[in-house]
PDB file of N, CA and C in Angstrom:
ATOM      1  N   SER A   1       0.836  -1.185   0.000  1.00  0.00           N
ATOM      2  CA  SER A   1       0.000   0.000   0.000  1.00  0.00           C
ATOM      3  C   SER A   1       0.872   1.237   0.000  1.00  0.00           C
ATOM      4  N   SER A   2       0.291   2.352  -0.421  1.00  0.00           N
ATOM      5  CA  SER A   2       1.059   3.595  -0.488  1.00  0.00           C
ATOM      6  C   SER A   2       0.221   4.736   0.063  1.00  0.00           C
ATOM      7  N   GLY A   3       0.823   5.892   0.114  1.00  0.00           N
ATOM      8  CA  GLY A   3       0.101   7.067   0.570  1.00  0.00           C
ATOM      9  C   GLY A   3      -0.178   7.083   2.061  1.00  0.00           C
ATOM     10  N   GLY A   4       0.583   6.302   2.843  1.00  0.00           N
ATOM     11  CA  GLY A   4       0.442   6.337   4.292  1.00  0.00           C
ATOM     12  C   GLY A   4      -0.707   5.505   4.833  1.00  0.00           C
ATOM     13  N   THR A   5      -1.322   4.691   4.006  1.00  0.00           N
ATOM     14  CA  THR A   5      -2.411   3.854   4.512  1.00  0.00           C
ATOM     15  C   THR A   5      -1.838   2.664   5.273  1.00  0.00           C
ATOM     16  N   ILE A   6      -2.640   2.115   6.141  1.00  0.00           N
ATOM     17  CA  ILE A   6      -2.222   0.958   6.935  1.00  0.00           C
ATOM     18  C   ILE A   6      -2.840  -0.294   6.309  1.00  0.00           C
ATOM     19  N   SER A   7      -2.020  -1.297   6.096  1.00  0.00           N
ATOM     20  CA  SER A   7      -2.522  -2.532   5.494  1.00  0.00           C
ATOM     21  C   SER A   7      -3.405  -3.293   6.491  1.00  0.00           C
ATOM     22  N   ASN A   8      -4.252  -4.149   5.959  1.00  0.00           N
ATOM     23  CA  ASN A   8      -5.130  -4.953   6.823  1.00  0.00           C
ATOM     24  C   ASN A   8      -4.341  -5.807   7.808  1.00  0.00           C
ATOM     25  N   PRO A   9      -3.267  -6.504   7.373  1.00  0.00           N
ATOM     26  CA  PRO A   9      -2.492  -7.293   8.356  1.00  0.00           C
ATOM     27  C   PRO A   9      -1.882  -6.416   9.450  1.00  0.00           C
ATOM     28  N   SER A  10      -1.406  -5.225   9.088  1.00  0.00           N
ATOM     29  CA  SER A  10      -0.841  -4.321  10.099  1.00  0.00           C
ATOM     30  C   SER A  10      -1.908  -3.880  11.089  1.00  0.00           C
ATOM     31  N   MET A  11      -3.078  -3.558  10.578  1.00  0.00           N
ATOM     32  CA  MET A  11      -4.172  -3.127  11.447  1.00  0.00           C
ATOM     33  C   MET A  11      -4.592  -4.277  12.368  1.00  0.00           C
ATOM     34  N   ALA A  12      -4.668  -5.486  11.837  1.00  0.00           N
ATOM     35  CA  ALA A  12      -5.049  -6.650  12.642  1.00  0.00           C
ATOM     36  C   ALA A  12      -4.036  -6.890  13.762  1.00  0.00           C
ATOM     37  N   ALA A  13      -2.750  -6.749  13.442  1.00  0.00           N
ATOM     38  CA  ALA A  13      -1.704  -6.946  14.453  1.00  0.00           C
ATOM     39  C   ALA A  13      -1.788  -5.867  15.530  1.00  0.00           C
ATOM     40  N   ALA A  14      -2.027  -4.629  15.125  1.00  0.00           N
ATOM     41  CA  ALA A  14      -2.145  -3.533  16.089  1.00  0.00           C
ATOM     42  C   ALA A  14      -3.322  -3.760  17.027  1.00  0.00           C
ATOM     43  N   VAL A  15      -4.463  -4.150  16.482  1.00  0.00           N
ATOM     44  CA  VAL A  15      -5.652  -4.399  17.297  1.00  0.00           C
ATOM     45  C   VAL A  15      -5.411  -5.575  18.243  1.00  0.00           C
ATOM     46  N   ALA A  16      -4.772  -6.638  17.737  1.00  0.00           N
ATOM     47  CA  ALA A  16      -4.508  -7.817  18.572  1.00  0.00           C
ATOM     48  C   ALA A  16      -3.599  -7.460  19.743  1.00  0.00           C
ATOM     49  N   SER A  17      -2.548  -6.676  19.484  1.00  0.00           N
ATOM     50  CA  SER A  17      -1.632  -6.317  20.579  1.00  0.00           C
ATOM     51  C   SER A  17      -2.326  -5.383  21.578  1.00  0.00           C
ATOM     52  N   TYR A  18      -3.172  -4.509  21.080  1.00  0.00           N
ATOM     53  CA  TYR A  18      -3.920  -3.601  21.960  1.00  0.00           C
ATOM     54  C   TYR A  18      -4.863  -4.381  22.863  1.00  0.00           C
ATOM     55  N   GLN A  19      -5.429  -5.454  22.339  1.00  0.00           N
ATOM     56  CA  GLN A  19      -6.395  -6.247  23.091  1.00  0.00           C
ATOM     57  C   GLN A  19      -5.734  -7.297  23.987  1.00  0.00           C
ATOM     58  N   ASP A  20      -4.435  -7.486  23.841  1.00  0.00           N
ATOM     59  CA  ASP A  20      -3.724  -8.512  24.618  1.00  0.00           C
ATOM     60  C   ASP A  20      -3.392  -7.961  26.005  1.00  0.00           C
ATOM     61  N   THR A  21      -4.393  -7.906  26.860  1.00  0.00           N
ATOM     62  CA  THR A  21      -4.198  -7.315  28.182  1.00  0.00           C
ATOM     63  C   THR A  21      -3.249  -8.134  29.049  1.00  0.00           C
ATOM     64  N   GLU A  22      -3.182  -9.435  28.829  1.00  0.00           N
ATOM     65  CA  GLU A  22      -2.262 -10.272  29.600  1.00  0.00           C
ATOM     66  C   GLU A  22      -0.815  -9.860  29.313  1.00  0.00           C
ATOM     67  N   PHE A  23      -0.493  -9.639  28.024  1.00  0.00           N
ATOM     68  CA  PHE A  23       0.859  -9.215  27.671  1.00  0.00           C
ATOM     69  C   PHE A  23       1.130  -7.809  28.199  1.00  0.00           C
ATOM     70  N   GLN A  24       0.133  -6.931  28.129  1.00  0.00           N
ATOM     71  CA  GLN A  24       0.306  -5.580  28.652  1.00  0.00           C
ATOM     72  C   GLN A  24       0.618  -5.621  30.142  1.00  0.00           C
ATOM     73  N   GLN A  25      -0.087  -6.460  30.879  1.00  0.00           N
ATOM     74  CA  GLN A  25       0.147  -6.584  32.320  1.00  0.00           C
ATOM     75  C   GLN A  25       1.543  -7.154  32.591  1.00  0.00           C
ATOM     76  N   TYR A  26       1.940  -8.161  31.815  1.00  0.00           N
ATOM     77  CA  TYR A  26       3.277  -8.752  31.934  1.00  0.00           C
ATOM     78  C   TYR A  26       4.342  -7.676  31.704  1.00  0.00           C
ATOM     79  N   SER A  27       4.168  -6.865  30.636  1.00  0.00           N
ATOM     80  CA  SER A  27       5.129  -5.815  30.310  1.00  0.00           C
ATOM     81  C   SER A  27       5.196  -4.769  31.418  1.00  0.00           C
ATOM     82  N   PHE A  28       4.038  -4.395  31.941  1.00  0.00           N
ATOM     83  CA  PHE A  28       3.989  -3.417  33.031  1.00  0.00           C
ATOM     84  C   PHE A  28       4.738  -3.934  34.252  1.00  0.00           C
ATOM     85  N   GLU A  29       4.511  -5.200  34.599  1.00  0.00           N
ATOM     86  CA  GLU A  29       5.173  -5.790  35.771  1.00  0.00           C
ATOM     87  C   GLU A  29       6.684  -5.869  35.573  1.00  0.00           C
ATOM     88  N   LYS A  30       7.126  -6.251  34.376  1.00  0.00           N
ATOM     89  CA  LYS A  30       8.561  -6.344  34.101  1.00  0.00           C
ATOM     90  C   LYS A  30       9.214  -4.961  34.146  1.00  0.00           C
ATOM     91  N   ASN A  31       8.525  -3.962  33.626  1.00  0.00           N
ATOM     92  CA  ASN A  31       9.033  -2.591  33.663  1.00  0.00           C
ATOM     93  C   ASN A  31       9.167  -2.121  35.111  1.00  0.00           C
ATOM     94  N   ALA A  32       8.148  -2.401  35.928  1.00  0.00           N
ATOM     95  CA  ALA A  32       8.187  -2.017  37.342  1.00  0.00           C
ATOM     96  C   ALA A  32       9.319  -2.737  38.069  1.00  0.00           C
ATOM     97  N   GLU A  33       9.541  -3.997  37.737  1.00  0.00           N
ATOM     98  CA  GLU A  33      10.619  -4.786  38.345  1.00  0.00           C
ATOM     99  C   GLU A  33      11.983  -4.170  38.008  1.00  0.00           C
ATOM    100  N   SER A  34      12.182  -3.808  36.745  1.00  0.00           N
ATOM    101  CA  SER A  34      13.445  -3.181  36.327  1.00  0.00           C
ATOM    102  C   SER A  34      13.649  -1.851  37.031  1.00  0.00           C
ATOM    103  N   LYS A  35      12.573  -1.065  37.143  1.00  0.00           N
ATOM    104  CA  LYS A  35      12.664   0.251  37.776  1.00  0.00           C
ATOM    105  C   LYS A  35      13.016   0.112  39.254  1.00  0.00           C
ATOM    106  N   GLU A  36      12.371  -0.810  39.960  1.00  0.00           N
ATOM    107  CA  GLU A  36      12.668  -1.003  41.383  1.00  0.00           C
ATOM    108  C   GLU A  36      14.098  -1.491  41.593  1.00  0.00           C
ATOM    109  N   TYR A  37      14.567  -2.370  40.718  1.00  0.00           N
ATOM    110  CA  TYR A  37      15.950  -2.849  40.772  1.00  0.00           C
ATOM    111  C   TYR A  37      16.918  -1.664  40.614  1.00  0.00           C
ATOM    112  N   LEU A  38      16.627  -0.807  39.631  1.00  0.00           N
ATOM    113  CA  LEU A  38      17.475   0.350  39.396  1.00  0.00           C
ATOM    114  C   LEU A  38      17.437   1.296  40.595  1.00  0.00           C
ATOM    115  N   TYR A  39      16.243   1.624  41.086  1.00  0.00           N
ATOM    116  CA  TYR A  39      16.112   2.495  42.251  1.00  0.00           C
ATOM    117  C   TYR A  39      16.921   1.973  43.431  1.00  0.00           C
ATOM    118  N   LYS A  40      16.771   0.681  43.730  1.00  0.00           N
ATOM    119  CA  LYS A  40      17.453   0.065  44.875  1.00  0.00           C
ATOM    120  C   LYS A  40      18.970   0.227  44.737  1.00  0.00           C
ATOM    121  N   ASN A  41      19.492  -0.052  43.550  1.00  0.00           N
ATOM    122  CA  ASN A  41      20.935   0.020  43.354  1.00  0.00           C
ATOM    123  C   ASN A  41      21.454   1.450  43.341  1.00  0.00           C
ATOM    124  N   LEU A  42      20.703   2.370  42.742  1.00  0.00           N
ATOM    125  CA  LEU A  42      21.132   3.771  42.780  1.00  0.00           C
ATOM    126  C   LEU A  42      21.175   4.269  44.216  1.00  0.00           C
ATOM    127  N   LYS A  43      20.150   3.913  44.988  1.00  0.00           N
ATOM    128  CA  LYS A  43      20.091   4.337  46.393  1.00  0.00           C
ATOM    129  C   LYS A  43      21.281   3.778  47.174  1.00  0.00           C
ATOM    130  N   GLU A  44      21.604   2.485  46.959  1.00  0.00           N
ATOM    131  CA  GLU A  44      22.746   1.861  47.644  1.00  0.00           C
ATOM    132  C   GLU A  44      24.058   2.551  47.301  1.00  0.00           C
ATOM    133  N   LEU A  45      24.139   3.113  46.080  1.00  0.00           N
ATOM    134  CA  LEU A  45      25.356   3.807  45.659  1.00  0.00           C
ATOM    135  C   LEU A  45      25.344   5.290  46.039  1.00  0.00           C
ATOM    136  N   GLY A  46      24.276   5.725  46.703  1.00  0.00           N
ATOM    137  CA  GLY A  46      24.209   7.099  47.167  1.00  0.00           C
ATOM    138  C   GLY A  46      23.697   8.091  46.143  1.00  0.00           C
ATOM    139  N   TYR A  47      23.064   7.610  45.068  1.00  0.00           N
ATOM    140  CA  TYR A  47      22.486   8.506  44.070  1.00  0.00           C
ATOM    141  C   TYR A  47      21.037   8.804  44.437  1.00  0.00           C
ATOM    142  N   GLU A  48      20.654  10.069  44.305  1.00  0.00           N
ATOM    143  CA  GLU A  48      19.275  10.474  44.559  1.00  0.00           C
ATOM    144  C   GLU A  48      18.565  10.626  43.221  1.00  0.00           C
ATOM    145  N   TYR A  49      17.854   9.598  42.811  1.00  0.00           N
ATOM    146  CA  TYR A  49      17.149   9.606  41.535  1.00  0.00           C
ATOM    147  C   TYR A  49      15.844  10.393  41.652  1.00  0.00           C
ATOM    148  N   ILE A  50      15.344  10.819  40.507  1.00  0.00           N
ATOM    149  CA  ILE A  50      14.044  11.486  40.445  1.00  0.00           C
ATOM    150  C   ILE A  50      13.021  10.401  40.103  1.00  0.00           C
ATOM    151  N   PRO A  51      12.067  10.121  40.986  1.00  0.00           N
ATOM    152  CA  PRO A  51      11.064   9.079  40.694  1.00  0.00           C
ATOM    153  C   PRO A  51      10.377   9.352  39.357  1.00  0.00           C
ATOM    154  N   SER A  52      10.131   8.292  38.606  1.00  0.00           N
ATOM    155  CA  SER A  52       9.654   8.433  37.241  1.00  0.00           C
ATOM    156  C   SER A  52       8.425   7.582  36.954  1.00  0.00           C
ATOM    157  N   ALA A  53       7.510   8.135  36.180  1.00  0.00           N
ATOM    158  CA  ALA A  53       6.358   7.383  35.684  1.00  0.00           C
ATOM    159  C   ALA A  53       6.549   7.090  34.200  1.00  0.00           C
ATOM    160  N   THR A  54       7.767   7.260  33.719  1.00  0.00           N
ATOM    161  CA  THR A  54       8.082   7.071  32.300  1.00  0.00           C
ATOM    162  C   THR A  54       8.974   5.845  32.127  1.00  0.00           C
ATOM    163  N   ASN A  55       9.546   5.696  30.932  1.00  0.00           N
ATOM    164  CA  ASN A  55      10.435   4.565  30.681  1.00  0.00           C
ATOM    165  C   ASN A  55      11.903   4.947  30.861  1.00  0.00           C
ATOM    166  N   PHE A  56      12.166   6.007  31.602  1.00  0.00           N
ATOM    167  CA  PHE A  56      13.550   6.373  31.912  1.00  0.00           C
ATOM    168  C   PHE A  56      13.621   6.941  33.322  1.00  0.00           C
ATOM    169  N   VAL A  57      14.855   6.960  33.860  1.00  0.00           N
ATOM    170  CA  VAL A  57      15.101   7.506  35.189  1.00  0.00           C
ATOM    171  C   VAL A  57      16.221   8.532  35.060  1.00  0.00           C
ATOM    172  N   LEU A  58      16.056   9.630  35.758  1.00  0.00           N
ATOM    173  CA  LEU A  58      17.002  10.734  35.734  1.00  0.00           C
ATOM    174  C   LEU A  58      17.601  10.879  37.125  1.00  0.00           C
ATOM    175  N   PHE A  59      18.933  11.056  37.173  1.00  0.00           N
ATOM    176  CA  PHE A  59      19.579  11.266  38.467  1.00  0.00           C
ATOM    177  C   PHE A  59      20.853  12.086  38.302  1.00  0.00           C
ATOM    178  N   PRO A  60      21.186  12.901  39.327  1.00  0.00           N
ATOM    179  CA  PRO A  60      22.403  13.698  39.265  1.00  0.00           C
ATOM    180  C   PRO A  60      23.631  12.800  39.428  1.00  0.00           C
ATOM    181  N   ILE A  61      24.671  13.139  38.688  1.00  0.00           N
ATOM    182  CA  ILE A  61      25.917  12.359  38.755  1.00  0.00           C
ATOM    183  C   ILE A  61      27.021  13.214  39.364  1.00  0.00           C
ATOM    184  N   ARG A  62      28.120  12.555  39.722  1.00  0.00           N
ATOM    185  CA  ARG A  62      29.181  13.207  40.501  1.00  0.00           C
ATOM    186  C   ARG A  62      30.400  13.580  39.684  1.00  0.00           C
ATOM    187  N   MET A  63      30.287  13.552  38.367  1.00  0.00           N
ATOM    188  CA  MET A  63      31.414  13.941  37.522  1.00  0.00           C
ATOM    189  C   MET A  63      30.879  14.647  36.292  1.00  0.00           C
ATOM    190  N   ALA A  64      31.755  15.230  35.515  1.00  0.00           N
ATOM    191  CA  ALA A  64      31.334  15.943  34.315  1.00  0.00           C
ATOM    192  C   ALA A  64      30.507  15.014  33.426  1.00  0.00           C
ATOM    193  N   SER A  65      29.405  15.534  32.926  1.00  0.00           N
ATOM    194  CA  SER A  65      28.456  14.693  32.193  1.00  0.00           C
ATOM    195  C   SER A  65      29.092  13.990  31.000  1.00  0.00           C
ATOM    196  N   GLU A  66      29.887  14.693  30.219  1.00  0.00           N
ATOM    197  CA  GLU A  66      30.468  14.067  29.026  1.00  0.00           C
ATOM    198  C   GLU A  66      31.502  13.012  29.413  1.00  0.00           C
ATOM    199  N   SER A  67      32.263  13.247  30.467  1.00  0.00           N
ATOM    200  CA  SER A  67      33.224  12.241  30.945  1.00  0.00           C
ATOM    201  C   SER A  67      32.480  10.989  31.408  1.00  0.00           C
ATOM    202  N   PHE A  68      31.373  11.185  32.099  1.00  0.00           N
ATOM    203  CA  PHE A  68      30.561  10.071  32.582  1.00  0.00           C
ATOM    204  C   PHE A  68      29.991   9.284  31.402  1.00  0.00           C
ATOM    205  N   ARG A  69      29.443  10.001  30.411  1.00  0.00           N
ATOM    206  CA  ARG A  69      28.868   9.338  29.242  1.00  0.00           C
ATOM    207  C   ARG A  69      29.917   8.507  28.508  1.00  0.00           C
ATOM    208  N   LYS A  70      31.096   9.069  28.314  1.00  0.00           N
ATOM    209  CA  LYS A  70      32.164   8.358  27.607  1.00  0.00           C
ATOM    210  C   LYS A  70      32.623   7.131  28.399  1.00  0.00           C
ATOM    211  N   ALA A  71      32.762   7.286  29.713  1.00  0.00           N
ATOM    212  CA  ALA A  71      33.199   6.165  30.550  1.00  0.00           C
ATOM    213  C   ALA A  71      32.168   5.033  30.520  1.00  0.00           C
ATOM    214  N   MET A  72      30.880   5.384  30.562  1.00  0.00           N
ATOM    215  CA  MET A  72      29.837   4.363  30.498  1.00  0.00           C
ATOM    216  C   MET A  72      29.822   3.696  29.123  1.00  0.00           C
ATOM    217  N   MET A  73      30.037   4.481  28.072  1.00  0.00           N
ATOM    218  CA  MET A  73      30.071   3.924  26.712  1.00  0.00           C
ATOM    219  C   MET A  73      31.225   2.930  26.579  1.00  0.00           C
ATOM    220  N   MET A  74      32.343   3.202  27.229  1.00  0.00           N
ATOM    221  CA  MET A  74      33.479   2.282  27.200  1.00  0.00           C
ATOM    222  C   MET A  74      33.119   0.947  27.854  1.00  0.00           C
ATOM    223  N   LYS A  75      32.134   0.971  28.724  1.00  0.00           N
ATOM    224  CA  LYS A  75      31.656  -0.248  29.379  1.00  0.00           C
ATOM    225  C   LYS A  75      30.478  -0.860  28.623  1.00  0.00           C
ATOM    226  N   GLY A  76      30.191  -0.310  27.443  1.00  0.00           N
ATOM    227  CA  GLY A  76      29.122  -0.846  26.608  1.00  0.00           C
ATOM    228  C   GLY A  76      27.727  -0.375  26.962  1.00  0.00           C
ATOM    229  N   VAL A  77      27.640   0.737  27.710  1.00  0.00           N
ATOM    230  CA  VAL A  77      26.345   1.235  28.164  1.00  0.00           C
ATOM    231  C   VAL A  77      26.094   2.614  27.564  1.00  0.00           C
ATOM    232  N   GLY A  78      25.000   2.733  26.833  1.00  0.00           N
ATOM    233  CA  GLY A  78      24.617   4.004  26.248  1.00  0.00           C
ATOM    234  C   GLY A  78      23.611   4.711  27.139  1.00  0.00           C
ATOM    235  N   ILE A  79      23.921   5.941  27.491  1.00  0.00           N
ATOM    236  CA  ILE A  79      23.036   6.775  28.321  1.00  0.00           C
ATOM    237  C   ILE A  79      22.989   8.155  27.696  1.00  0.00           C
ATOM    238  N   ARG A  80      22.125   8.997  28.228  1.00  0.00           N
ATOM    239  CA  ARG A  80      22.091  10.397  27.833  1.00  0.00           C
ATOM    240  C   ARG A  80      22.481  11.224  29.054  1.00  0.00           C
ATOM    241  N   VAL A  81      23.144  12.330  28.808  1.00  0.00           N
ATOM    242  CA  VAL A  81      23.569  13.210  29.895  1.00  0.00           C
ATOM    243  C   VAL A  81      23.312  14.659  29.514  1.00  0.00           C
ATOM    244  N   TRP A  82      23.164  15.489  30.493  1.00  0.00           N
ATOM    245  CA  TRP A  82      23.139  16.932  30.303  1.00  0.00           C
ATOM    246  C   TRP A  82      23.291  17.618  31.640  1.00  0.00           C
ATOM    247  N   ASP A  83      23.562  18.910  31.572  1.00  0.00           N
ATOM    248  CA  ASP A  83      23.737  19.706  32.775  1.00  0.00           C
ATOM    249  C   ASP A  83      22.508  20.594  32.960  1.00  0.00           C
ATOM    250  N   TYR A  84      22.085  20.722  34.202  1.00  0.00           N
ATOM    251  CA  TYR A  84      20.979  21.603  34.540  1.00  0.00           C
ATOM    252  C   TYR A  84      21.380  22.409  35.771  1.00  0.00           C
ATOM    253  N   ASN A  85      21.415  23.709  35.644  1.00  0.00           N
ATOM    254  CA  ASN A  85      21.844  24.596  36.734  1.00  0.00           C
ATOM    255  C   ASN A  85      23.208  24.190  37.292  1.00  0.00           C
ATOM    256  N   GLY A  86      24.117  23.822  36.407  1.00  0.00           N
ATOM    257  CA  GLY A  86      25.464  23.461  36.815  1.00  0.00           C
ATOM    258  C   GLY A  86      25.619  22.053  37.370  1.00  0.00           C
ATOM    259  N   GLN A  87      24.532  21.286  37.425  1.00  0.00           N
ATOM    260  CA  GLN A  87      24.578  19.915  37.944  1.00  0.00           C
ATOM    261  C   GLN A  87      24.480  18.930  36.772  1.00  0.00           C
ATOM    262  N   PRO A  88      25.475  18.033  36.630  1.00  0.00           N
ATOM    263  CA  PRO A  88      25.378  17.011  35.583  1.00  0.00           C
ATOM    264  C   PRO A  88      24.338  15.935  35.964  1.00  0.00           C
ATOM    265  N   PHE A  89      23.566  15.512  34.980  1.00  0.00           N
ATOM    266  CA  PHE A  89      22.549  14.475  35.167  1.00  0.00           C
ATOM    267  C   PHE A  89      22.737  13.353  34.164  1.00  0.00           C
ATOM    268  N   CYS A  90      22.323  12.159  34.582  1.00  0.00           N
ATOM    269  CA  CYS A  90      22.277  10.981  33.720  1.00  0.00           C
ATOM    270  C   CYS A  90      20.817  10.613  33.497  1.00  0.00           C
ATOM    271  N   ARG A  91      20.500  10.241  32.263  1.00  0.00           N
ATOM    272  CA  ARG A  91      19.165   9.738  31.929  1.00  0.00           C
ATOM    273  C   ARG A  91      19.363   8.331  31.387  1.00  0.00           C
ATOM    274  N   VAL A  92      18.812   7.356  32.087  1.00  0.00           N
ATOM    275  CA  VAL A  92      18.930   5.969  31.648  1.00  0.00           C
ATOM    276  C   VAL A  92      17.542   5.431  31.321  1.00  0.00           C
ATOM    277  N   ARG A  93      17.437   4.798  30.162  1.00  0.00           N
ATOM    278  CA  ARG A  93      16.180   4.197  29.733  1.00  0.00           C
ATOM    279  C   ARG A  93      16.005   2.862  30.423  1.00  0.00           C
ATOM    280  N   LEU A  94      14.817   2.613  30.901  1.00  0.00           N
ATOM    281  CA  LEU A  94      14.538   1.317  31.514  1.00  0.00           C
ATOM    282  C   LEU A  94      14.513   0.252  30.432  1.00  0.00           C
ATOM    283  N   GLY A  95      15.080  -0.895  30.748  1.00  0.00           N
ATOM    284  CA  GLY A  95      15.109  -1.997  29.800  1.00  0.00           C
ATOM    285  C   GLY A  95      14.766  -3.294  30.500  1.00  0.00           C
ATOM    286  N   LYS A  96      15.085  -4.376  29.833  1.00  0.00           N
ATOM    287  CA  LYS A  96      14.891  -5.697  30.427  1.00  0.00           C
ATOM    288  C   LYS A  96      15.845  -5.847  31.605  1.00  0.00           C
ATOM    289  N   MET A  97      15.544  -6.781  32.476  1.00  0.00           N
ATOM    290  CA  MET A  97      16.345  -6.930  33.692  1.00  0.00           C
ATOM    291  C   MET A  97      17.823  -7.156  33.374  1.00  0.00           C
ATOM    292  N   ASP A  98      18.139  -7.951  32.357  1.00  0.00           N
ATOM    293  CA  ASP A  98      19.557  -8.182  32.049  1.00  0.00           C
ATOM    294  C   ASP A  98      20.241  -6.884  31.601  1.00  0.00           C
ATOM    295  N   GLU A  99      19.514  -6.000  30.925  1.00  0.00           N
ATOM    296  CA  GLU A  99      20.081  -4.721  30.530  1.00  0.00           C
ATOM    297  C   GLU A  99      20.307  -3.826  31.749  1.00  0.00           C
ATOM    298  N   MET A 100      19.385  -3.874  32.686  1.00  0.00           N
ATOM    299  CA  MET A 100      19.532  -3.061  33.891  1.00  0.00           C
ATOM    300  C   MET A 100      20.693  -3.575  34.745  1.00  0.00           C
ATOM    301  N   GLU A 101      20.896  -4.891  34.760  1.00  0.00           N
ATOM    302  CA  GLU A 101      22.025  -5.458  35.494  1.00  0.00           C
ATOM    303  C   GLU A 101      23.345  -4.999  34.887  1.00  0.00           C
ATOM    304  N   ILE A 102      23.418  -4.895  33.566  1.00  0.00           N
ATOM    305  CA  ILE A 102      24.628  -4.399  32.899  1.00  0.00           C
ATOM    306  C   ILE A 102      24.873  -2.943  33.282  1.00  0.00           C
ATOM    307  N   PHE A 103      23.800  -2.138  33.267  1.00  0.00           N
ATOM    308  CA  PHE A 103      23.930  -0.737  33.664  1.00  0.00           C
ATOM    309  C   PHE A 103      24.429  -0.617  35.101  1.00  0.00           C
ATOM    310  N   VAL A 104      23.803  -1.351  36.007  1.00  0.00           N
ATOM    311  CA  VAL A 104      24.182  -1.284  37.428  1.00  0.00           C
ATOM    312  C   VAL A 104      25.627  -1.733  37.611  1.00  0.00           C
ATOM    313  N   SER A 105      26.036  -2.777  36.930  1.00  0.00           N
ATOM    314  CA  SER A 105      27.418  -3.241  37.020  1.00  0.00           C
ATOM    315  C   SER A 105      28.377  -2.141  36.592  1.00  0.00           C
ATOM    316  N   ALA A 106      28.051  -1.476  35.483  1.00  0.00           N
ATOM    317  CA  ALA A 106      28.918  -0.410  34.972  1.00  0.00           C
ATOM    318  C   ALA A 106      28.982   0.780  35.925  1.00  0.00           C
ATOM    319  N   ILE A 107      27.844   1.170  36.466  1.00  0.00           N
ATOM    320  CA  ILE A 107      27.855   2.344  37.351  1.00  0.00           C
ATOM    321  C   ILE A 107      28.530   2.001  38.693  1.00  0.00           C
ATOM    322  N   LYS A 108      28.439   0.748  39.114  1.00  0.00           N
ATOM    323  CA  LYS A 108      29.164   0.345  40.327  1.00  0.00           C
ATOM    324  C   LYS A 108      30.680   0.454  40.096  1.00  0.00           C
ATOM    325  N   GLN A 109      31.129   0.101  38.900  1.00  0.00           N
ATOM    326  CA  GLN A 109      32.555   0.232  38.581  1.00  0.00           C
ATOM    327  C   GLN A 109      32.976   1.702  38.584  1.00  0.00           C
ATOM    328  N   MET A 110      32.067   2.571  38.144  1.00  0.00           N
ATOM    329  CA  MET A 110      32.352   4.011  38.131  1.00  0.00           C
ATOM    330  C   MET A 110      32.438   4.541  39.562  1.00  0.00           C
ATOM    331  N   ALA A 111      31.594   4.025  40.433  1.00  0.00           N
ATOM    332  CA  ALA A 111      31.570   4.495  41.827  1.00  0.00           C
ATOM    333  C   ALA A 111      32.738   3.955  42.623  1.00  0.00           C
ATOM    334  N   GLY A 112      33.247   2.811  42.167  1.00  0.00           N
ATOM    335  CA  GLY A 112      34.317   2.158  42.916  1.00  0.00           C
ATOM    336  C   GLY A 112      35.635   2.683  42.565  1.00  0.00           C
TER     337      GLY A 112
END
């Protein structure tokens, strides 16, 4: 199809996923599990995160934002950083538990 129309199979798949409340509940629970894991570990490392109702968590970091981003990238972790009122912040997207474990491992190495 052309002109921006949605094909029948695409529409059927969209409707099916929208109606799959069991999968939606599973996804919500897994997201909450990842977020709580991240919160717990940030707190243990002394980071004060900003509670989030989104798919990312924001928290102030203790080093220059670009240095932090590069160091995390060297550990295979992609994050976003920026400064607000002179304070560097990290923004990490919530992912699957194994992805969050990789992030926590990397940030523990940074703190150590």
